[in-house]
Structure formats: structure tokens, C-alpha cells
Amino acid sequence: ANFLDVGGTANAQTVEAGFRIIMKDPNVKAILINIFGGIVRCD
């Protein structure tokens, strides 16, 4: 439903903003979060 790159400096605020943006799309039926913690920490 989208291309969304949170970048290598993602934090709680940017992740929440990403969530809000995805949720605005009424067509979204599921959300996949795929993070490879090389630059950004998974926690």
C-alpha cells in the first residue's frame, strides 16, 4: 500500500508518525514492519 523508509535515524517519534500515516489509508488491511538493525537499533 506504500513505500515508507524510516531511515537510519528512526526513533519513537518517527515510527509513531509512520504508523499514523499508514493508518490514514483506508485500504490498509495489515502492516508489516521490517527493520534490519545495522544503523538503527531494533529496540
All heavy atoms as atom14 arrays in JSON, in Angstrom:
{
  "sequence": "ANFLDVGGTANAQTVEAGFRIIMKDPNVKAILINIFGGIVRCD",
  "atom14_mask": [
    [1, 1, 1, 1, 1, 0, 0, 0, 0, 0, 0, 0, 0, 0],
    [1, 1, 1, 1, 1, 1, 1, 1, 0, 0, 0, 0, 0, 0],
    [1, 1, 1, 1, 1, 1, 1, 1, 1, 1, 1, 0, 0, 0],
    [1, 1, 1, 1, 1, 1, 1, 1, 0, 0, 0, 0, 0, 0],
    [1, 1, 1, 1, 1, 1, 1, 1, 0, 0, 0, 0, 0, 0],
    [1, 1, 1, 1, 1, 1, 1, 0, 0, 0, 0, 0, 0, 0],
    [1, 1, 1, 1, 0, 0, 0, 0, 0, 0, 0, 0, 0, 0],
    [1, 1, 1, 1, 0, 0, 0, 0, 0, 0, 0, 0, 0, 0],
    [1, 1, 1, 1, 1, 1, 1, 0, 0, 0, 0, 0, 0, 0],
    [1, 1, 1, 1, 1, 0, 0, 0, 0, 0, 0, 0, 0, 0],
    [1, 1, 1, 1, 1, 1, 1, 1, 0, 0, 0, 0, 0, 0],
    [1, 1, 1, 1, 1, 0, 0, 0, 0, 0, 0, 0, 0, 0],
    [1, 1, 1, 1, 1, 1, 1, 1, 1, 0, 0, 0, 0, 0],
    [1, 1, 1, 1, 1, 1, 1, 0, 0, 0, 0, 0, 0, 0],
    [1, 1, 1, 1, 1, 1, 1, 0, 0, 0, 0, 0, 0, 0],
    [1, 1, 1, 1, 1, 1, 1, 1, 1, 0, 0, 0, 0, 0],
    [1, 1, 1, 1, 1, 0, 0, 0, 0, 0, 0, 0, 0, 0],
    [1, 1, 1, 1, 0, 0, 0, 0, 0, 0, 0, 0, 0, 0],
    [1, 1, 1, 1, 1, 1, 1, 1, 1, 1, 1, 0, 0, 0],
    [1, 1, 1, 1, 1, 1, 1, 1, 1, 1, 1, 0, 0, 0],
    [1, 1, 1, 1, 1, 1, 1, 1, 0, 0, 0, 0, 0, 0],
    [1, 1, 1, 1, 1, 1, 1, 1, 0, 0, 0, 0, 0, 0],
    [1, 1, 1, 1, 1, 1, 1, 1, 0, 0, 0, 0, 0, 0],
    [1, 1, 1, 1, 1, 1, 1, 1, 1, 0, 0, 0, 0, 0],
    [1, 1, 1, 1, 1, 1, 1, 1, 0, 0, 0, 0, 0, 0],
    [1, 1, 1, 1, 1, 1, 1, 0, 0, 0, 0, 0, 0, 0],
    [1, 1, 1, 1, 1, 1, 1, 1, 0, 0, 0, 0, 0, 0],
    [1, 1, 1, 1, 1, 1, 1, 0, 0, 0, 0, 0, 0, 0],
    [1, 1, 1, 1, 1, 1, 1, 1, 1, 0, 0, 0, 0, 0],
    [1, 1, 1, 1, 1, 0, 0, 0, 0, 0, 0, 0, 0, 0],
    [1, 1, 1, 1, 1, 1, 1, 1, 0, 0, 0, 0, 0, 0],
    [1, 1, 1, 1, 1, 1, 1, 1, 0, 0, 0, 0, 0, 0],
    [1, 1, 1, 1, 1, 1, 1, 1, 0, 0, 0, 0, 0, 0],
    [1, 1, 1, 1, 1, 1, 1, 1, 0, 0, 0, 0, 0, 0],
    [1, 1, 1, 1, 1, 1, 1, 1, 0, 0, 0, 0, 0, 0],
    [1, 1, 1, 1, 1, 1, 1, 1, 1, 1, 1, 0, 0, 0],
    [1, 1, 1, 1, 0, 0, 0, 0, 0, 0, 0, 0, 0, 0],
    [1, 1, 1, 1, 0, 0, 0, 0, 0, 0, 0, 0, 0, 0],
    [1, 1, 1, 1, 1, 1, 1, 1, 0, 0, 0, 0, 0, 0],
    [1, 1, 1, 1, 1, 1, 1, 0, 0, 0, 0, 0, 0, 0],
    [1, 1, 1, 1, 1, 1, 1, 1, 1, 1, 1, 0, 0, 0],
    [1, 1, 1, 1, 1, 1, 0, 0, 0, 0, 0, 0, 0, 0],
    [1, 1, 1, 1, 1, 1, 1, 1, 0, 0, 0, 0, 0, 0]
  ],
  "atom14_positions": [
    [[0.81, -1.21, 0.0], [0.0, 0.0, 0.0], [0.85, 1.26, 0.0], [0.33, 2.36, -0.2], [-0.92, 0.01, 1.23], [0.0, 0.0, 0.0], [0.0, 0.0, 0.0], [0.0, 0.0, 0.0], [0.0, 0.0, 0.0], [0.0, 0.0, 0.0], [0.0, 0.0, 0.0], [0.0, 0.0, 0.0], [0.0, 0.0, 0.0], [0.0, 0.0, 0.0]],
    [[2.14, 1.09, 0.26], [3.01, 2.26, 0.3], [4.47, 1.86, 0.27], [4.83, 0.7, 0.48], [2.75, 3.08, 1.58], [3.07, 2.28, 2.84], [2.23, 1.57, 3.37], [4.32, 2.37, 3.3], [0.0, 0.0, 0.0], [0.0, 0.0, 0.0], [0.0, 0.0, 0.0], [0.0, 0.0, 0.0], [0.0, 0.0, 0.0], [0.0, 0.0, 0.0]],
    [[5.29, 2.83, -0.01], [6.73, 2.75, 0.2], [7.02, 3.69, 1.36], [6.72, 4.88, 1.29], [7.48, 3.19, -1.06], [8.98, 3.36, -0.88], [9.84, 2.35, -1.24], [9.5, 4.53, -0.35], [11.21, 2.5, -1.08], [10.87, 4.69, -0.19], [11.72, 3.67, -0.56], [0.0, 0.0, 0.0], [0.0, 0.0, 0.0], [0.0, 0.0, 0.0]],
    [[7.56, 3.17, 2.46], [7.86, 4.01, 3.62], [9.21, 3.62, 4.21], [9.37, 2.55, 4.79], [6.78, 3.89, 4.7], [7.03, 4.67, 6.0], [7.25, 6.15, 5.7], [5.87, 4.51, 6.95], [0.0, 0.0, 0.0], [0.0, 0.0, 0.0], [0.0, 0.0, 0.0], [0.0, 0.0, 0.0], [0.0, 0.0, 0.0], [0.0, 0.0, 0.0]],
    [[10.18, 4.51, 4.02], [11.53, 4.31, 4.54], [11.71, 5.24, 5.74], [11.7, 6.47, 5.58], [12.56, 4.62, 3.44], [13.99, 4.61, 3.94], [14.22, 4.06, 5.04], [14.87, 5.15, 3.24], [0.0, 0.0, 0.0], [0.0, 0.0, 0.0], [0.0, 0.0, 0.0], [0.0, 0.0, 0.0], [0.0, 0.0, 0.0], [0.0, 0.0, 0.0]],
    [[11.86, 4.66, 6.94], [12.01, 5.49, 8.15], [13.45, 5.95, 8.33], [13.74, 6.74, 9.23], [11.53, 4.75, 9.41], [10.06, 4.44, 9.32], [12.34, 3.47, 9.62], [0.0, 0.0, 0.0], [0.0, 0.0, 0.0], [0.0, 0.0, 0.0], [0.0, 0.0, 0.0], [0.0, 0.0, 0.0], [0.0, 0.0, 0.0], [0.0, 0.0, 0.0]],
    [[14.37, 5.47, 7.49], [15.75, 5.93, 7.53], [16.58, 5.3, 8.63], [16.11, 4.5, 9.43], [0.0, 0.0, 0.0], [0.0, 0.0, 0.0], [0.0, 0.0, 0.0], [0.0, 0.0, 0.0], [0.0, 0.0, 0.0], [0.0, 0.0, 0.0], [0.0, 0.0, 0.0], [0.0, 0.0, 0.0], [0.0, 0.0, 0.0], [0.0, 0.0, 0.0]],
    [[17.82, 5.73, 8.67], [18.76, 5.15, 9.63], [18.78, 5.83, 10.97], [19.52, 5.41, 11.87], [0.0, 0.0, 0.0], [0.0, 0.0, 0.0], [0.0, 0.0, 0.0], [0.0, 0.0, 0.0], [0.0, 0.0, 0.0], [0.0, 0.0, 0.0], [0.0, 0.0, 0.0], [0.0, 0.0, 0.0], [0.0, 0.0, 0.0], [0.0, 0.0, 0.0]],
    [[17.99, 6.88, 11.16], [17.96, 7.6, 12.44], [16.58, 7.53, 13.07], [16.15, 8.45, 13.76], [18.37, 9.07, 12.24], [17.49, 9.69, 11.28], [19.8, 9.17, 11.73], [0.0, 0.0, 0.0], [0.0, 0.0, 0.0], [0.0, 0.0, 0.0], [0.0, 0.0, 0.0], [0.0, 0.0, 0.0], [0.0, 0.0, 0.0], [0.0, 0.0, 0.0]],
    [[15.87, 6.45, 12.81], [14.5, 6.32, 13.31], [14.47, 6.31, 14.83], [15.33, 5.72, 15.48], [13.87, 5.04, 12.77], [0.0, 0.0, 0.0], [0.0, 0.0, 0.0], [0.0, 0.0, 0.0], [0.0, 0.0, 0.0], [0.0, 0.0, 0.0], [0.0, 0.0, 0.0], [0.0, 0.0, 0.0], [0.0, 0.0, 0.0], [0.0, 0.0, 0.0]],
    [[13.46, 6.95, 15.4], [13.23, 6.92, 16.85], [11.75, 6.72, 17.1], [10.97, 6.51, 16.16], [13.74, 8.21, 17.5], [13.17, 9.46, 16.83], [12.01, 9.48, 16.42], [13.97, 10.5, 16.74], [0.0, 0.0, 0.0], [0.0, 0.0, 0.0], [0.0, 0.0, 0.0], [0.0, 0.0, 0.0], [0.0, 0.0, 0.0], [0.0, 0.0, 0.0]],
    [[11.35, 6.78, 18.36], [9.95, 6.52, 18.7], [9.01, 7.48, 17.99], [7.91, 7.11, 17.55], [9.77, 6.61, 20.21], [0.0, 0.0, 0.0], [0.0, 0.0, 0.0], [0.0, 0.0, 0.0], [0.0, 0.0, 0.0], [0.0, 0.0, 0.0], [0.0, 0.0, 0.0], [0.0, 0.0, 0.0], [0.0, 0.0, 0.0], [0.0, 0.0, 0.0]],
    [[9.44, 8.74, 17.86], [8.57, 9.76, 17.24], [8.36, 9.49, 15.75], [7.24, 9.58, 15.24], [9.17, 11.16, 17.44], [9.09, 11.71, 18.87], [10.02, 10.99, 19.82], [11.15, 10.62, 19.44], [9.58, 10.77, 21.05], [0.0, 0.0, 0.0], [0.0, 0.0, 0.0], [0.0, 0.0, 0.0], [0.0, 0.0, 0.0], [0.0, 0.0, 0.0]],
    [[9.46, 9.16, 15.03], [9.32, 8.92, 13.6], [8.54, 7.64, 13.33], [7.77, 7.57, 12.36], [10.71, 8.83, 12.92], [11.49, 7.83, 13.58], [11.43, 10.16, 12.98], [0.0, 0.0, 0.0], [0.0, 0.0, 0.0], [0.0, 0.0, 0.0], [0.0, 0.0, 0.0], [0.0, 0.0, 0.0], [0.0, 0.0, 0.0], [0.0, 0.0, 0.0]],
    [[8.72, 6.63, 14.16], [7.98, 5.38, 13.99], [6.49, 5.63, 14.22], [5.64, 5.14, 13.47], [8.5, 4.29, 14.95], [7.58, 3.06, 14.93], [9.91, 3.88, 14.57], [0.0, 0.0, 0.0], [0.0, 0.0, 0.0], [0.0, 0.0, 0.0], [0.0, 0.0, 0.0], [0.0, 0.0, 0.0], [0.0, 0.0, 0.0], [0.0, 0.0, 0.0]],
    [[6.16, 6.4, 15.26], [4.75, 6.72, 15.52], [4.17, 7.52, 14.35], [3.03, 7.27, 13.93], [4.61, 7.53, 16.81], [3.15, 7.85, 17.13], [2.98, 8.63, 18.42], [3.93, 8.64, 19.24], [1.9, 9.23, 18.61], [0.0, 0.0, 0.0], [0.0, 0.0, 0.0], [0.0, 0.0, 0.0], [0.0, 0.0, 0.0], [0.0, 0.0, 0.0]],
    [[4.95, 8.47, 13.83], [4.48, 9.25, 12.68], [4.23, 8.34, 11.49], [3.23, 8.49, 10.77], [5.52, 10.32, 12.33], [0.0, 0.0, 0.0], [0.0, 0.0, 0.0], [0.0, 0.0, 0.0], [0.0, 0.0, 0.0], [0.0, 0.0, 0.0], [0.0, 0.0, 0.0], [0.0, 0.0, 0.0], [0.0, 0.0, 0.0], [0.0, 0.0, 0.0]],
    [[5.13, 7.37, 11.27], [4.94, 6.42, 10.19], [3.68, 5.6, 10.37], [2.93, 5.37, 9.4], [0.0, 0.0, 0.0], [0.0, 0.0, 0.0], [0.0, 0.0, 0.0], [0.0, 0.0, 0.0], [0.0, 0.0, 0.0], [0.0, 0.0, 0.0], [0.0, 0.0, 0.0], [0.0, 0.0, 0.0], [0.0, 0.0, 0.0], [0.0, 0.0, 0.0]],
    [[3.42, 5.18, 11.6], [2.2, 4.44, 11.9], [0.96, 5.26, 11.54], [0.02, 4.77, 10.91], [2.16, 4.08, 13.39], [2.31, 2.61, 13.65], [3.43, 2.14, 14.32], [1.36, 1.7, 13.23], [3.58, 0.79, 14.57], [1.51, 0.35, 13.48], [2.62, -0.11, 14.15], [0.0, 0.0, 0.0], [0.0, 0.0, 0.0], [0.0, 0.0, 0.0]],
    [[0.96, 6.5, 11.99], [-0.2, 7.37, 11.75], [-0.46, 7.57, 10.26], [-1.6, 7.57, 9.81], [0.0, 8.72, 12.43], [-0.02, 8.67, 13.96], [0.08, 10.05, 14.57], [0.09, 9.98, 16.03], [-1.01, 9.9, 16.78], [-2.2, 9.89, 16.2], [-0.93, 9.84, 18.09], [0.0, 0.0, 0.0], [0.0, 0.0, 0.0], [0.0, 0.0, 0.0]],
    [[0.61, 7.73, 9.52], [0.48, 7.94, 8.08], [-0.08, 6.7, 7.39], [-0.97, 6.78, 6.55], [1.85, 8.34, 7.48], [2.21, 9.76, 7.95], [1.83, 8.27, 5.96], [3.65, 10.14, 7.68], [0.0, 0.0, 0.0], [0.0, 0.0, 0.0], [0.0, 0.0, 0.0], [0.0, 0.0, 0.0], [0.0, 0.0, 0.0], [0.0, 0.0, 0.0]],
    [[0.44, 5.52, 7.76], [-0.06, 4.28, 7.18], [-1.53, 4.06, 7.52], [-2.33, 3.66, 6.67], [0.79, 3.08, 7.67], [2.2, 3.15, 7.09], [0.14, 1.75, 7.26], [3.15, 2.1, 7.64], [0.0, 0.0, 0.0], [0.0, 0.0, 0.0], [0.0, 0.0, 0.0], [0.0, 0.0, 0.0], [0.0, 0.0, 0.0], [0.0, 0.0, 0.0]],
    [[-1.89, 4.36, 8.77], [-3.27, 4.12, 9.23], [-4.29, 5.03, 8.55], [-5.48, 4.77, 8.56], [-3.34, 4.33, 10.74], [-2.52, 3.34, 11.55], [-3.24, 1.69, 11.62], [-4.62, 1.99, 12.7], [0.0, 0.0, 0.0], [0.0, 0.0, 0.0], [0.0, 0.0, 0.0], [0.0, 0.0, 0.0], [0.0, 0.0, 0.0], [0.0, 0.0, 0.0]],
    [[-3.82, 6.14, 7.95], [-4.74, 7.04, 7.27], [-5.27, 6.46, 5.97], [-6.26, 6.95, 5.42], [-4.05, 8.39, 7.0], [-3.86, 9.24, 8.24], [-3.23, 10.58, 7.9], [-3.08, 11.44, 9.15], [-2.46, 12.75, 8.84], [0.0, 0.0, 0.0], [0.0, 0.0, 0.0], [0.0, 0.0, 0.0], [0.0, 0.0, 0.0], [0.0, 0.0, 0.0]],
    [[-4.61, 5.44, 5.47], [-5.04, 4.8, 4.22], [-6.11, 3.76, 4.54], [-5.82, 2.74, 5.16], [-3.85, 4.14, 3.54], [-4.18, 3.58, 2.16], [-5.39, 3.51, 1.83], [-3.25, 3.21, 1.43], [0.0, 0.0, 0.0], [0.0, 0.0, 0.0], [0.0, 0.0, 0.0], [0.0, 0.0, 0.0], [0.0, 0.0, 0.0], [0.0, 0.0, 0.0]],
    [[-7.35, 3.98, 4.13], [-8.43, 3.04, 4.45], [-8.29, 1.68, 3.79], [-8.95, 0.72, 4.2], [-9.68, 3.77, 3.95], [-9.19, 4.69, 2.87], [-7.82, 5.12, 3.32], [0.0, 0.0, 0.0], [0.0, 0.0, 0.0], [0.0, 0.0, 0.0], [0.0, 0.0, 0.0], [0.0, 0.0, 0.0], [0.0, 0.0, 0.0], [0.0, 0.0, 0.0]],
    [[-7.41, 1.58, 2.78], [-7.23, 0.32, 2.07], [-6.31, -0.65, 2.81], [-6.24, -1.83, 2.46], [-6.68, 0.57, 0.67], [-7.65, 1.35, -0.2], [-8.85, 1.16, -0.12], [-7.12, 2.24, -1.03], [0.0, 0.0, 0.0], [0.0, 0.0, 0.0], [0.0, 0.0, 0.0], [0.0, 0.0, 0.0], [0.0, 0.0, 0.0], [0.0, 0.0, 0.0]],
    [[-5.58, -0.16, 3.8], [-4.6, -0.99, 4.5], [-5.31, -2.02, 5.38], [-6.11, -1.67, 6.25], [-3.65, -0.12, 5.36], [-2.78, -1.0, 6.25], [-2.78, 0.74, 4.47], [0.0, 0.0, 0.0], [0.0, 0.0, 0.0], [0.0, 0.0, 0.0], [0.0, 0.0, 0.0], [0.0, 0.0, 0.0], [0.0, 0.0, 0.0], [0.0, 0.0, 0.0]],
    [[-5.01, -3.3, 5.16], [-5.61, -4.4, 5.92], [-4.61, -5.07, 6.87], [-5.0, -5.87, 7.72], [-6.18, -5.45, 4.96], [-7.17, -4.9, 3.94], [-8.37, -4.22, 4.62], [-9.35, -3.68, 3.58], [-10.45, -2.91, 4.22], [0.0, 0.0, 0.0], [0.0, 0.0, 0.0], [0.0, 0.0, 0.0], [0.0, 0.0, 0.0], [0.0, 0.0, 0.0]],
    [[-3.33, -4.79, 6.69], [-2.28, -5.33, 7.56], [-1.06, -4.45, 7.44], [-0.88, -3.75, 6.43], [-1.95, -6.77, 7.18], [0.0, 0.0, 0.0], [0.0, 0.0, 0.0], [0.0, 0.0, 0.0], [0.0, 0.0, 0.0], [0.0, 0.0, 0.0], [0.0, 0.0, 0.0], [0.0, 0.0, 0.0], [0.0, 0.0, 0.0], [0.0, 0.0, 0.0]],
    [[-0.21, -4.48, 8.48], [1.01, -3.66, 8.47], [2.21, -4.57, 8.72], [2.21, -5.38, 9.64], [0.95, -2.57, 9.56], [-0.2, -1.6, 9.29], [2.28, -1.8, 9.62], [-0.39, -0.56, 10.38], [0.0, 0.0, 0.0], [0.0, 0.0, 0.0], [0.0, 0.0, 0.0], [0.0, 0.0, 0.0], [0.0, 0.0, 0.0], [0.0, 0.0, 0.0]],
    [[3.21, -4.42, 7.86], [4.46, -5.18, 8.01], [5.58, -4.21, 8.37], [5.86, -3.27, 7.63], [4.81, -5.92, 6.72], [6.19, -6.57, 6.67], [6.37, -7.59, 7.79], [6.43, -7.23, 5.32], [0.0, 0.0, 0.0], [0.0, 0.0, 0.0], [0.0, 0.0, 0.0], [0.0, 0.0, 0.0], [0.0, 0.0, 0.0], [0.0, 0.0, 0.0]],
    [[6.2, -4.44, 9.52], [7.36, -3.66, 9.95], [8.6, -4.52, 9.77], [8.72, -5.58, 10.39], [7.22, -3.21, 11.42], [5.95, -2.38, 11.6], [8.44, -2.43, 11.86], [5.63, -2.07, 13.05], [0.0, 0.0, 0.0], [0.0, 0.0, 0.0], [0.0, 0.0, 0.0], [0.0, 0.0, 0.0], [0.0, 0.0, 0.0], [0.0, 0.0, 0.0]],
    [[9.49, -4.09, 8.92], [10.68, -4.87, 8.6], [11.92, -4.01, 8.85], [12.23, -3.11, 8.06], [10.64, -5.34, 7.15], [11.8, -6.27, 6.82], [12.42, -6.85, 7.71], [12.1, -6.4, 5.54], [0.0, 0.0, 0.0], [0.0, 0.0, 0.0], [0.0, 0.0, 0.0], [0.0, 0.0, 0.0], [0.0, 0.0, 0.0], [0.0, 0.0, 0.0]],
    [[12.59, -4.25, 9.95], [13.74, -3.45, 10.34], [14.99, -4.32, 10.44], [14.99, -5.33, 11.15], [13.51, -2.74, 11.7], [12.25, -1.86, 11.64], [14.73, -1.92, 12.09], [12.32, -0.7, 10.67], [0.0, 0.0, 0.0], [0.0, 0.0, 0.0], [0.0, 0.0, 0.0], [0.0, 0.0, 0.0], [0.0, 0.0, 0.0], [0.0, 0.0, 0.0]],
    [[16.02, -3.91, 9.72], [17.32, -4.57, 9.88], [18.21, -3.61, 10.66], [18.59, -2.55, 10.16], [17.94, -4.9, 8.53], [19.25, -5.63, 8.66], [19.26, -6.99, 8.93], [20.46, -4.96, 8.55], [20.45, -7.68, 9.08], [21.66, -5.64, 8.7], [21.66, -7.0, 8.96], [0.0, 0.0, 0.0], [0.0, 0.0, 0.0], [0.0, 0.0, 0.0]],
    [[18.52, -3.96, 11.89], [19.23, -3.06, 12.79], [20.7, -2.99, 12.55], [21.49, -3.51, 13.35], [0.0, 0.0, 0.0], [0.0, 0.0, 0.0], [0.0, 0.0, 0.0], [0.0, 0.0, 0.0], [0.0, 0.0, 0.0], [0.0, 0.0, 0.0], [0.0, 0.0, 0.0], [0.0, 0.0, 0.0], [0.0, 0.0, 0.0], [0.0, 0.0, 0.0]],
    [[21.1, -2.36, 11.47], [22.51, -2.12, 11.23], [22.88, -0.73, 11.7], [23.82, -0.52, 12.46], [0.0, 0.0, 0.0], [0.0, 0.0, 0.0], [0.0, 0.0, 0.0], [0.0, 0.0, 0.0], [0.0, 0.0, 0.0], [0.0, 0.0, 0.0], [0.0, 0.0, 0.0], [0.0, 0.0, 0.0], [0.0, 0.0, 0.0], [0.0, 0.0, 0.0]],
    [[22.09, 0.23, 11.27], [22.3, 1.62, 11.68], [21.35, 1.96, 12.83], [21.78, 2.44, 13.87], [22.05, 2.57, 10.49], [22.99, 2.23, 9.33], [22.24, 4.02, 10.92], [22.72, 3.01, 8.07], [0.0, 0.0, 0.0], [0.0, 0.0, 0.0], [0.0, 0.0, 0.0], [0.0, 0.0, 0.0], [0.0, 0.0, 0.0], [0.0, 0.0, 0.0]],
    [[20.07, 1.69, 12.62], [19.08, 1.98, 13.66], [18.95, 0.77, 14.59], [19.0, -0.38, 14.15], [17.71, 2.33, 13.03], [17.17, 1.16, 12.25], [16.72, 2.77, 14.08], [0.0, 0.0, 0.0], [0.0, 0.0, 0.0], [0.0, 0.0, 0.0], [0.0, 0.0, 0.0], [0.0, 0.0, 0.0], [0.0, 0.0, 0.0], [0.0, 0.0, 0.0]],
    [[18.82, 1.02, 15.89], [18.69, -0.06, 16.87], [17.27, -0.61, 16.87], [16.3, 0.14, 16.84], [19.03, 0.46, 18.27], [20.48, 0.82, 18.41], [20.87, 1.21, 19.84], [19.78, 1.34, 20.77], [19.58, 2.43, 21.52], [20.35, 3.49, 21.39], [18.59, 2.47, 22.39], [0.0, 0.0, 0.0], [0.0, 0.0, 0.0], [0.0, 0.0, 0.0]],
    [[17.15, -1.94, 16.92], [15.84, -2.59, 16.89], [15.0, -2.23, 18.11], [13.78, -2.08, 18.01], [16.01, -4.1, 16.8], [16.67, -4.67, 15.23], [0.0, 0.0, 0.0], [0.0, 0.0, 0.0], [0.0, 0.0, 0.0], [0.0, 0.0, 0.0], [0.0, 0.0, 0.0], [0.0, 0.0, 0.0], [0.0, 0.0, 0.0], [0.0, 0.0, 0.0]],
    [[15.64, -2.09, 19.28], [14.86, -1.77, 20.48], [14.25, -0.38, 20.4], [13.19, -0.12, 20.95], [15.72, -1.91, 21.74], [16.94, -1.01, 21.71], [17.51, -0.81, 20.62], [17.33, -0.5, 22.78], [0.0, 0.0, 0.0], [0.0, 0.0, 0.0], [0.0, 0.0, 0.0], [0.0, 0.0, 0.0], [0.0, 0.0, 0.0], [0.0, 0.0, 0.0]]
  ]
}
